[in-house]
Amino acid sequence: MKLLFVCLGNICRSPILEAVARERFARAGVDWQVASCGTGGWHAGDGADARAVQAGHARGYALHTHRARQLRASDYTEFDFLLAADESNLRDLRTRAPAQSERLVLTLPFSGIDTPREVPDPYYGGARDFQHVVDLAERIADGLLLRLGSGHTVLGARASRPRGT
């Protein structure tokens, strides 16, 4: 399984989602590949926002080696799912897609979380906003483990697969 988390600039939300998913998938013994990108390219090559690095580090997730990149045409064929942080990014993904695809999804609902529907952008907020994104990222990673069929939670216990997936 290859998952691409997508936000606007690839310095806040999607790097947090990537780092948390990578760690939690590894803890669950799942060998899924994860990456992240932004729909915009103005931060390409930059590291993750210092507040994202700090919030992740406080919870045991490494973001210090992250380098932002912009969405590429090849991402549409390379990844099994492109998971947008919010509706705006999902619209951008769909607009740029070479063909309509069910693999372009909104992250939270796809991972089984009904509320909120979008991962809020913490860029103009403070430490609490970044911590909230880490909280959501943990729920997202665990939801993806269940939805996509690993049958394991982060702690490695067997879990039942939700109906309808």
N, C-alpha and C. Protein backbone atom coordinates (compact mmCIF):
# COMPACT_ATOMS: atom_id res chain seq x y z
N MET A 1 0.85 -1.17 0.00
CA MET A 1 0.00 0.00 0.00
C MET A 1 0.90 1.23 0.00
N LYS A 2 0.56 2.18 -0.87
CA LYS A 2 1.30 3.45 -0.95
C LYS A 2 0.31 4.60 -0.79
N LEU A 3 0.54 5.43 0.23
CA LEU A 3 -0.37 6.53 0.55
C LEU A 3 0.37 7.86 0.46
N LEU A 4 -0.29 8.84 -0.15
CA LEU A 4 0.26 10.19 -0.27
C LEU A 4 -0.68 11.16 0.44
N PHE A 5 -0.16 11.83 1.47
CA PHE A 5 -0.93 12.84 2.19
C PHE A 5 -0.67 14.19 1.53
N VAL A 6 -1.75 14.94 1.28
CA VAL A 6 -1.65 16.17 0.51
C VAL A 6 -2.28 17.33 1.28
N CYS A 7 -1.51 18.43 1.40
CA CYS A 7 -2.06 19.67 1.94
C CYS A 7 -1.62 20.80 1.02
N LEU A 8 -1.67 22.01 1.48
CA LEU A 8 -1.39 23.15 0.62
C LEU A 8 0.10 23.35 0.34
N GLY A 9 0.91 23.50 1.40
CA GLY A 9 2.32 23.82 1.20
C GLY A 9 3.30 22.74 1.58
N ASN A 10 2.82 21.67 2.19
CA ASN A 10 3.64 20.53 2.60
C ASN A 10 4.67 20.88 3.67
N ILE A 11 4.27 21.79 4.59
CA ILE A 11 5.16 22.09 5.71
C ILE A 11 4.48 21.91 7.07
N CYS A 12 3.16 21.73 7.10
CA CYS A 12 2.45 21.58 8.38
C CYS A 12 1.68 20.27 8.46
N ARG A 13 0.50 20.26 7.86
CA ARG A 13 -0.40 19.12 8.02
C ARG A 13 0.12 17.84 7.39
N SER A 14 0.42 17.87 6.11
CA SER A 14 0.79 16.61 5.45
C SER A 14 2.09 16.02 5.98
N PRO A 15 3.10 16.82 6.36
CA PRO A 15 4.29 16.18 6.96
C PRO A 15 3.97 15.52 8.31
N ILE A 16 3.08 16.14 9.09
CA ILE A 16 2.67 15.53 10.35
C ILE A 16 1.94 14.22 10.07
N LEU A 17 1.00 14.24 9.14
CA LEU A 17 0.26 13.03 8.78
C LEU A 17 1.21 11.93 8.32
N GLU A 18 2.17 12.28 7.49
CA GLU A 18 3.14 11.31 6.99
C GLU A 18 3.97 10.71 8.12
N ALA A 19 4.53 11.56 8.97
CA ALA A 19 5.40 11.08 10.05
C ALA A 19 4.65 10.19 11.04
N VAL A 20 3.45 10.61 11.40
CA VAL A 20 2.65 9.83 12.35
C VAL A 20 2.25 8.49 11.72
N ALA A 21 1.78 8.52 10.49
CA ALA A 21 1.39 7.28 9.82
C ALA A 21 2.58 6.34 9.69
N ARG A 22 3.71 6.84 9.28
CA ARG A 22 4.90 6.00 9.11
C ARG A 22 5.23 5.27 10.43
N GLU A 23 5.24 6.01 11.52
CA GLU A 23 5.59 5.44 12.82
C GLU A 23 4.53 4.45 13.30
N ARG A 24 3.28 4.83 13.20
CA ARG A 24 2.21 3.95 13.71
C ARG A 24 2.05 2.70 12.84
N PHE A 25 2.24 2.83 11.54
CA PHE A 25 2.20 1.65 10.67
C PHE A 25 3.34 0.70 11.03
N ALA A 26 4.53 1.25 11.26
CA ALA A 26 5.68 0.42 11.64
C ALA A 26 5.42 -0.30 12.97
N ARG A 27 4.86 0.41 13.93
CA ARG A 27 4.53 -0.21 15.23
C ARG A 27 3.53 -1.35 15.08
N ALA A 28 2.65 -1.21 14.09
CA ALA A 28 1.64 -2.25 13.85
C ALA A 28 2.18 -3.38 12.98
N GLY A 29 3.43 -3.24 12.54
CA GLY A 29 4.03 -4.27 11.71
C GLY A 29 3.56 -4.27 10.27
N VAL A 30 3.11 -3.10 9.81
CA VAL A 30 2.58 -2.96 8.46
C VAL A 30 3.63 -2.25 7.59
N ASP A 31 3.94 -2.84 6.47
CA ASP A 31 4.96 -2.28 5.58
C ASP A 31 4.33 -1.47 4.45
N TRP A 32 3.67 -0.38 4.83
CA TRP A 32 3.07 0.51 3.85
C TRP A 32 3.98 1.71 3.65
N GLN A 33 4.04 2.19 2.44
CA GLN A 33 4.85 3.37 2.14
C GLN A 33 3.97 4.62 2.24
N VAL A 34 4.52 5.65 2.86
CA VAL A 34 3.80 6.91 2.98
C VAL A 34 4.71 8.05 2.55
N ALA A 35 4.09 9.08 2.02
CA ALA A 35 4.80 10.28 1.61
C ALA A 35 3.82 11.44 1.72
N SER A 36 4.30 12.64 1.46
CA SER A 36 3.44 13.81 1.51
C SER A 36 3.89 14.83 0.47
N CYS A 37 2.97 15.72 0.13
CA CYS A 37 3.28 16.79 -0.80
C CYS A 37 2.29 17.92 -0.62
N GLY A 38 2.53 19.01 -1.30
CA GLY A 38 1.62 20.14 -1.29
C GLY A 38 1.09 20.40 -2.68
N THR A 39 -0.08 20.97 -2.76
CA THR A 39 -0.61 21.35 -4.07
C THR A 39 0.10 22.59 -4.59
N GLY A 40 0.62 23.41 -3.68
CA GLY A 40 1.40 24.59 -4.05
C GLY A 40 2.88 24.30 -3.94
N GLY A 41 3.68 25.03 -4.69
CA GLY A 41 5.11 24.76 -4.71
C GLY A 41 6.00 25.78 -4.04
N TRP A 42 5.43 26.80 -3.40
CA TRP A 42 6.26 27.88 -2.87
C TRP A 42 7.15 27.46 -1.71
N HIS A 43 6.90 26.31 -1.06
CA HIS A 43 7.75 25.84 0.04
C HIS A 43 8.65 24.68 -0.39
N ALA A 44 8.64 24.33 -1.68
CA ALA A 44 9.42 23.18 -2.16
C ALA A 44 10.87 23.29 -1.70
N GLY A 45 11.36 22.22 -1.09
CA GLY A 45 12.73 22.17 -0.59
C GLY A 45 12.88 22.61 0.86
N ASP A 46 11.87 23.27 1.40
CA ASP A 46 11.93 23.72 2.79
C ASP A 46 11.66 22.56 3.74
N GLY A 47 12.15 22.71 4.96
CA GLY A 47 11.82 21.75 6.00
C GLY A 47 10.41 21.99 6.51
N ALA A 48 9.96 21.08 7.36
CA ALA A 48 8.65 21.26 7.99
C ALA A 48 8.69 22.48 8.89
N ASP A 49 7.55 23.11 9.06
CA ASP A 49 7.42 24.26 9.97
C ASP A 49 7.97 23.84 11.34
N ALA A 50 8.73 24.73 11.98
CA ALA A 50 9.35 24.42 13.28
C ALA A 50 8.32 24.00 14.32
N ARG A 51 7.13 24.57 14.25
CA ARG A 51 6.08 24.21 15.21
C ARG A 51 5.57 22.80 14.95
N ALA A 52 5.55 22.37 13.69
CA ALA A 52 5.16 21.00 13.36
C ALA A 52 6.23 20.04 13.86
N VAL A 53 7.49 20.39 13.65
CA VAL A 53 8.60 19.55 14.12
C VAL A 53 8.52 19.39 15.64
N GLN A 54 8.28 20.48 16.33
CA GLN A 54 8.21 20.46 17.79
C GLN A 54 7.03 19.63 18.29
N ALA A 55 5.85 19.84 17.69
CA ALA A 55 4.67 19.09 18.11
C ALA A 55 4.85 17.59 17.85
N GLY A 56 5.43 17.25 16.73
CA GLY A 56 5.69 15.84 16.43
C GLY A 56 6.72 15.24 17.37
N HIS A 57 7.80 15.96 17.59
CA HIS A 57 8.87 15.48 18.46
C HIS A 57 8.35 15.21 19.88
N ALA A 58 7.49 16.09 20.37
CA ALA A 58 6.94 15.94 21.72
C ALA A 58 6.16 14.63 21.87
N ARG A 59 5.70 14.06 20.75
CA ARG A 59 4.92 12.82 20.79
C ARG A 59 5.69 11.64 20.19
N GLY A 60 6.97 11.85 19.86
CA GLY A 60 7.79 10.75 19.37
C GLY A 60 7.79 10.56 17.87
N TYR A 61 7.42 11.59 17.11
CA TYR A 61 7.39 11.50 15.65
C TYR A 61 8.45 12.41 15.06
N ALA A 62 9.24 11.90 14.14
CA ALA A 62 10.35 12.65 13.56
C ALA A 62 9.93 13.37 12.29
N LEU A 63 10.08 14.69 12.29
CA LEU A 63 9.81 15.50 11.10
C LEU A 63 11.04 16.31 10.68
N HIS A 64 12.13 16.18 11.40
CA HIS A 64 13.28 17.04 11.16
C HIS A 64 13.96 16.82 9.81
N THR A 65 13.77 15.68 9.17
CA THR A 65 14.40 15.44 7.87
C THR A 65 13.46 15.74 6.70
N HIS A 66 12.23 16.11 6.99
CA HIS A 66 11.24 16.38 5.94
C HIS A 66 11.68 17.52 5.03
N ARG A 67 11.44 17.37 3.73
CA ARG A 67 11.64 18.43 2.75
C ARG A 67 10.37 18.51 1.91
N ALA A 68 9.81 19.70 1.86
CA ALA A 68 8.55 19.91 1.14
C ALA A 68 8.74 19.69 -0.36
N ARG A 69 7.68 19.18 -0.96
CA ARG A 69 7.65 19.04 -2.41
C ARG A 69 6.24 19.28 -2.90
N GLN A 70 6.16 19.62 -4.18
CA GLN A 70 4.87 19.87 -4.80
C GLN A 70 4.36 18.60 -5.46
N LEU A 71 3.06 18.50 -5.56
CA LEU A 71 2.39 17.40 -6.25
C LEU A 71 2.95 17.25 -7.65
N ARG A 72 3.20 16.00 -8.06
CA ARG A 72 3.71 15.69 -9.41
C ARG A 72 2.68 14.86 -10.16
N ALA A 73 2.70 14.95 -11.47
CA ALA A 73 1.79 14.15 -12.29
C ALA A 73 1.96 12.66 -12.01
N SER A 74 3.17 12.22 -11.77
CA SER A 74 3.44 10.80 -11.51
C SER A 74 2.82 10.30 -10.20
N ASP A 75 2.50 11.22 -9.29
CA ASP A 75 1.88 10.81 -8.02
C ASP A 75 0.56 10.10 -8.24
N TYR A 76 -0.15 10.47 -9.29
CA TYR A 76 -1.46 9.88 -9.57
C TYR A 76 -1.36 8.39 -9.92
N THR A 77 -0.25 7.96 -10.45
CA THR A 77 -0.08 6.55 -10.78
C THR A 77 0.79 5.82 -9.76
N GLU A 78 1.64 6.54 -9.08
CA GLU A 78 2.56 5.92 -8.12
C GLU A 78 1.88 5.50 -6.82
N PHE A 79 0.86 6.24 -6.38
CA PHE A 79 0.25 5.99 -5.08
C PHE A 79 -1.13 5.33 -5.23
N ASP A 80 -1.44 4.48 -4.25
CA ASP A 80 -2.74 3.81 -4.23
C ASP A 80 -3.85 4.78 -3.85
N PHE A 81 -3.56 5.68 -2.91
CA PHE A 81 -4.52 6.70 -2.49
C PHE A 81 -3.80 8.02 -2.29
N LEU A 82 -4.44 9.11 -2.73
CA LEU A 82 -3.99 10.47 -2.48
C LEU A 82 -5.00 11.05 -1.50
N LEU A 83 -4.55 11.34 -0.29
CA LEU A 83 -5.43 11.74 0.81
C LEU A 83 -5.30 13.23 1.08
N ALA A 84 -6.34 13.99 0.73
CA ALA A 84 -6.33 15.44 0.87
C ALA A 84 -6.71 15.86 2.29
N ALA A 85 -6.00 16.86 2.81
CA ALA A 85 -6.27 17.35 4.16
C ALA A 85 -7.60 18.09 4.25
N ASP A 86 -8.00 18.75 3.16
CA ASP A 86 -9.25 19.51 3.19
C ASP A 86 -9.91 19.53 1.81
N GLU A 87 -11.10 20.07 1.76
CA GLU A 87 -11.88 20.10 0.51
C GLU A 87 -11.18 20.87 -0.60
N SER A 88 -10.51 21.95 -0.25
CA SER A 88 -9.80 22.75 -1.25
C SER A 88 -8.70 21.94 -1.92
N ASN A 89 -7.93 21.22 -1.12
CA ASN A 89 -6.88 20.37 -1.69
C ASN A 89 -7.46 19.22 -2.50
N LEU A 90 -8.59 18.69 -2.06
CA LEU A 90 -9.24 17.62 -2.83
C LEU A 90 -9.69 18.14 -4.19
N ARG A 91 -10.25 19.35 -4.22
CA ARG A 91 -10.63 19.95 -5.51
C ARG A 91 -9.41 20.12 -6.41
N ASP A 92 -8.30 20.59 -5.83
CA ASP A 92 -7.07 20.74 -6.62
C ASP A 92 -6.58 19.40 -7.16
N LEU A 93 -6.63 18.37 -6.33
CA LEU A 93 -6.22 17.03 -6.80
C LEU A 93 -7.09 16.58 -7.96
N ARG A 94 -8.40 16.77 -7.83
CA ARG A 94 -9.31 16.34 -8.88
C ARG A 94 -9.14 17.14 -10.16
N THR A 95 -8.88 18.44 -10.02
CA THR A 95 -8.69 19.30 -11.19
C THR A 95 -7.44 18.89 -11.98
N ARG A 96 -6.40 18.51 -11.28
CA ARG A 96 -5.12 18.16 -11.92
C ARG A 96 -5.04 16.70 -12.34
N ALA A 97 -5.96 15.88 -11.88
CA ALA A 97 -5.91 14.44 -12.17
C ALA A 97 -6.06 14.17 -13.66
N PRO A 98 -5.29 13.22 -14.18
CA PRO A 98 -5.41 12.88 -15.59
C PRO A 98 -6.75 12.22 -15.92
N ALA A 99 -7.39 11.64 -14.92
CA ALA A 99 -8.70 11.00 -15.09
C ALA A 99 -9.41 11.01 -13.74
N GLN A 100 -10.71 10.91 -13.77
CA GLN A 100 -11.47 10.85 -12.53
C GLN A 100 -11.09 9.57 -11.79
N SER A 101 -10.93 9.67 -10.48
CA SER A 101 -10.49 8.52 -9.72
C SER A 101 -11.09 8.49 -8.32
N GLU A 102 -11.46 7.29 -7.88
CA GLU A 102 -11.95 7.11 -6.51
C GLU A 102 -10.80 7.05 -5.52
N ARG A 103 -9.58 7.10 -6.00
CA ARG A 103 -8.40 7.06 -5.13
C ARG A 103 -8.02 8.43 -4.59
N LEU A 104 -8.73 9.47 -5.01
CA LEU A 104 -8.53 10.83 -4.51
C LEU A 104 -9.59 11.05 -3.45
N VAL A 105 -9.16 11.12 -2.18
CA VAL A 105 -10.13 11.11 -1.08
C VAL A 105 -9.81 12.17 -0.04
N LEU A 106 -10.81 12.51 0.73
CA LEU A 106 -10.64 13.40 1.87
C LEU A 106 -10.18 12.55 3.05
N THR A 107 -9.07 12.92 3.66
CA THR A 107 -8.37 12.09 4.64
C THR A 107 -9.24 11.62 5.80
N LEU A 108 -9.89 12.54 6.50
CA LEU A 108 -10.62 12.15 7.70
C LEU A 108 -11.79 11.20 7.42
N PRO A 109 -12.72 11.53 6.54
CA PRO A 109 -13.82 10.59 6.28
C PRO A 109 -13.32 9.24 5.75
N PHE A 110 -12.30 9.26 4.90
CA PHE A 110 -11.78 8.01 4.35
C PHE A 110 -11.20 7.11 5.43
N SER A 111 -10.64 7.73 6.47
CA SER A 111 -10.06 6.93 7.56
C SER A 111 -11.08 6.58 8.63
N GLY A 112 -12.36 6.89 8.37
CA GLY A 112 -13.43 6.48 9.27
C GLY A 112 -13.78 7.50 10.34
N ILE A 113 -13.33 8.72 10.20
CA ILE A 113 -13.61 9.77 11.18
C ILE A 113 -14.63 10.73 10.57
N ASP A 114 -15.78 10.85 11.21
CA ASP A 114 -16.85 11.68 10.67
C ASP A 114 -16.70 13.17 11.02
N THR A 115 -16.19 13.45 12.22
CA THR A 115 -16.07 14.83 12.67
C THR A 115 -14.71 15.05 13.29
N PRO A 116 -13.98 16.05 12.86
CA PRO A 116 -14.28 16.99 11.79
C PRO A 116 -14.07 16.34 10.42
N ARG A 117 -14.50 17.02 9.37
CA ARG A 117 -14.32 16.49 8.01
C ARG A 117 -12.96 16.85 7.42
N GLU A 118 -12.37 17.93 7.92
CA GLU A 118 -11.10 18.41 7.38
C GLU A 118 -10.05 18.51 8.48
N VAL A 119 -8.80 18.31 8.09
CA VAL A 119 -7.68 18.55 9.00
C VAL A 119 -7.43 20.05 8.97
N PRO A 120 -7.63 20.74 10.10
CA PRO A 120 -7.48 22.20 10.10
C PRO A 120 -6.02 22.62 9.88
N ASP A 121 -5.84 23.71 9.16
CA ASP A 121 -4.50 24.22 8.88
C ASP A 121 -4.01 24.99 10.11
N PRO A 122 -2.93 24.52 10.76
CA PRO A 122 -2.45 25.18 11.97
C PRO A 122 -1.49 26.34 11.70
N TYR A 123 -1.20 26.63 10.44
CA TYR A 123 -0.14 27.58 10.08
C TYR A 123 -0.27 28.93 10.78
N TYR A 124 -1.47 29.47 10.84
CA TYR A 124 -1.65 30.78 11.46
C TYR A 124 -2.03 30.68 12.94
N GLY A 125 -1.93 29.49 13.50
CA GLY A 125 -2.25 29.27 14.90
C GLY A 125 -1.01 29.12 15.75
N GLY A 126 -1.20 28.49 16.88
CA GLY A 126 -0.12 28.30 17.83
C GLY A 126 0.15 26.84 18.10
N ALA A 127 0.90 26.58 19.16
CA ALA A 127 1.32 25.22 19.52
C ALA A 127 0.12 24.28 19.68
N ARG A 128 -0.95 24.76 20.28
CA ARG A 128 -2.13 23.91 20.48
C ARG A 128 -2.72 23.44 19.16
N ASP A 129 -2.69 24.30 18.16
CA ASP A 129 -3.22 23.93 16.85
C ASP A 129 -2.39 22.82 16.21
N PHE A 130 -1.08 22.89 16.36
CA PHE A 130 -0.21 21.84 15.84
C PHE A 130 -0.39 20.54 16.62
N GLN A 131 -0.56 20.63 17.93
CA GLN A 131 -0.81 19.44 18.75
C GLN A 131 -2.13 18.79 18.35
N HIS A 132 -3.13 19.61 18.03
CA HIS A 132 -4.42 19.08 17.58
C HIS A 132 -4.25 18.29 16.28
N VAL A 133 -3.42 18.77 15.38
CA VAL A 133 -3.18 18.05 14.12
C VAL A 133 -2.50 16.71 14.41
N VAL A 134 -1.57 16.68 15.37
CA VAL A 134 -0.95 15.41 15.75
C VAL A 134 -2.00 14.46 16.31
N ASP A 135 -2.89 14.97 17.16
CA ASP A 135 -3.98 14.14 17.69
C ASP A 135 -4.79 13.53 16.55
N LEU A 136 -5.19 14.37 15.60
CA LEU A 136 -5.96 13.88 14.46
C LEU A 136 -5.16 12.87 13.64
N ALA A 137 -3.88 13.14 13.45
CA ALA A 137 -3.02 12.25 12.67
C ALA A 137 -2.95 10.86 13.28
N GLU A 138 -2.92 10.78 14.60
CA GLU A 138 -2.92 9.47 15.26
C GLU A 138 -4.23 8.74 14.99
N ARG A 139 -5.34 9.44 15.09
CA ARG A 139 -6.64 8.83 14.80
C ARG A 139 -6.73 8.40 13.34
N ILE A 140 -6.20 9.23 12.46
CA ILE A 140 -6.21 8.92 11.02
C ILE A 140 -5.42 7.66 10.74
N ALA A 141 -4.20 7.59 11.27
CA ALA A 141 -3.35 6.41 11.03
C ALA A 141 -4.03 5.14 11.52
N ASP A 142 -4.60 5.20 12.71
CA ASP A 142 -5.28 4.03 13.25
C ASP A 142 -6.50 3.66 12.41
N GLY A 143 -7.24 4.68 11.96
CA GLY A 143 -8.39 4.43 11.10
C GLY A 143 -8.00 3.81 9.77
N LEU A 144 -6.89 4.26 9.21
CA LEU A 144 -6.41 3.70 7.95
C LEU A 144 -6.00 2.24 8.12
N LEU A 145 -5.38 1.92 9.25
CA LEU A 145 -5.01 0.53 9.50
C LEU A 145 -6.24 -0.37 9.48
N LEU A 146 -7.32 0.10 10.07
CA LEU A 146 -8.55 -0.69 10.08
C LEU A 146 -9.22 -0.72 8.71
N ARG A 147 -9.35 0.44 8.08
CA ARG A 147 -10.07 0.54 6.81
C ARG A 147 -9.39 -0.23 5.68
N LEU A 148 -8.08 -0.13 5.64
CA LEU A 148 -7.36 -0.71 4.50
C LEU A 148 -6.93 -2.15 4.72
N GLY A 149 -7.41 -2.74 5.82
CA GLY A 149 -7.31 -4.17 5.94
C GLY A 149 -6.12 -4.77 6.64
N SER A 150 -5.35 -3.99 7.41
CA SER A 150 -4.24 -4.63 8.12
C SER A 150 -4.76 -5.55 9.21
N GLY A 151 -5.94 -5.19 9.77
CA GLY A 151 -6.49 -5.98 10.85
C GLY A 151 -5.76 -5.79 12.17
N HIS A 152 -4.86 -4.82 12.23
CA HIS A 152 -4.09 -4.57 13.45
C HIS A 152 -4.26 -3.13 13.89
N THR A 153 -4.22 -2.92 15.18
CA THR A 153 -4.15 -1.57 15.71
C THR A 153 -2.68 -1.25 15.93
N VAL A 154 -2.40 -0.06 16.41
CA VAL A 154 -1.02 0.34 16.67
C VAL A 154 -0.36 -0.58 17.69
N LEU A 155 -1.12 -1.09 18.62
CA LEU A 155 -0.54 -1.95 19.65
C LEU A 155 -0.39 -3.39 19.18
N GLY A 156 -0.80 -3.66 17.95
CA GLY A 156 -0.60 -4.97 17.37
C GLY A 156 -1.72 -5.96 17.61
N ALA A 157 -2.75 -5.57 18.35
CA ALA A 157 -3.87 -6.48 18.62
C ALA A 157 -4.73 -6.60 17.37
N ARG A 158 -5.33 -7.75 17.18
CA ARG A 158 -6.25 -7.92 16.05
C ARG A 158 -7.46 -7.04 16.25
N ALA A 159 -7.92 -6.47 15.20
CA ALA A 159 -9.10 -5.62 15.26
C ALA A 159 -10.07 -6.07 14.18
N SER A 160 -11.34 -5.89 14.44
CA SER A 160 -12.32 -6.24 13.42
C SER A 160 -12.35 -5.13 12.37
N ARG A 161 -12.55 -5.54 11.15
CA ARG A 161 -12.61 -4.60 10.06
C ARG A 161 -13.99 -3.96 10.03
N PRO A 162 -14.07 -2.63 9.87
CA PRO A 162 -15.39 -1.99 9.84
C PRO A 162 -16.22 -2.52 8.67
N ARG A 163 -17.52 -2.60 8.87
CA ARG A 163 -18.42 -3.04 7.81
C ARG A 163 -18.46 -2.02 6.69
N GLY A 164 -18.65 -2.50 5.49
CA GLY A 164 -18.81 -1.61 4.35
C GLY A 164 -17.50 -1.14 3.75
N THR A 165 -16.39 -1.72 4.16
CA THR A 165 -15.10 -1.29 3.57
C THR A 165 -14.51 -2.39 2.73
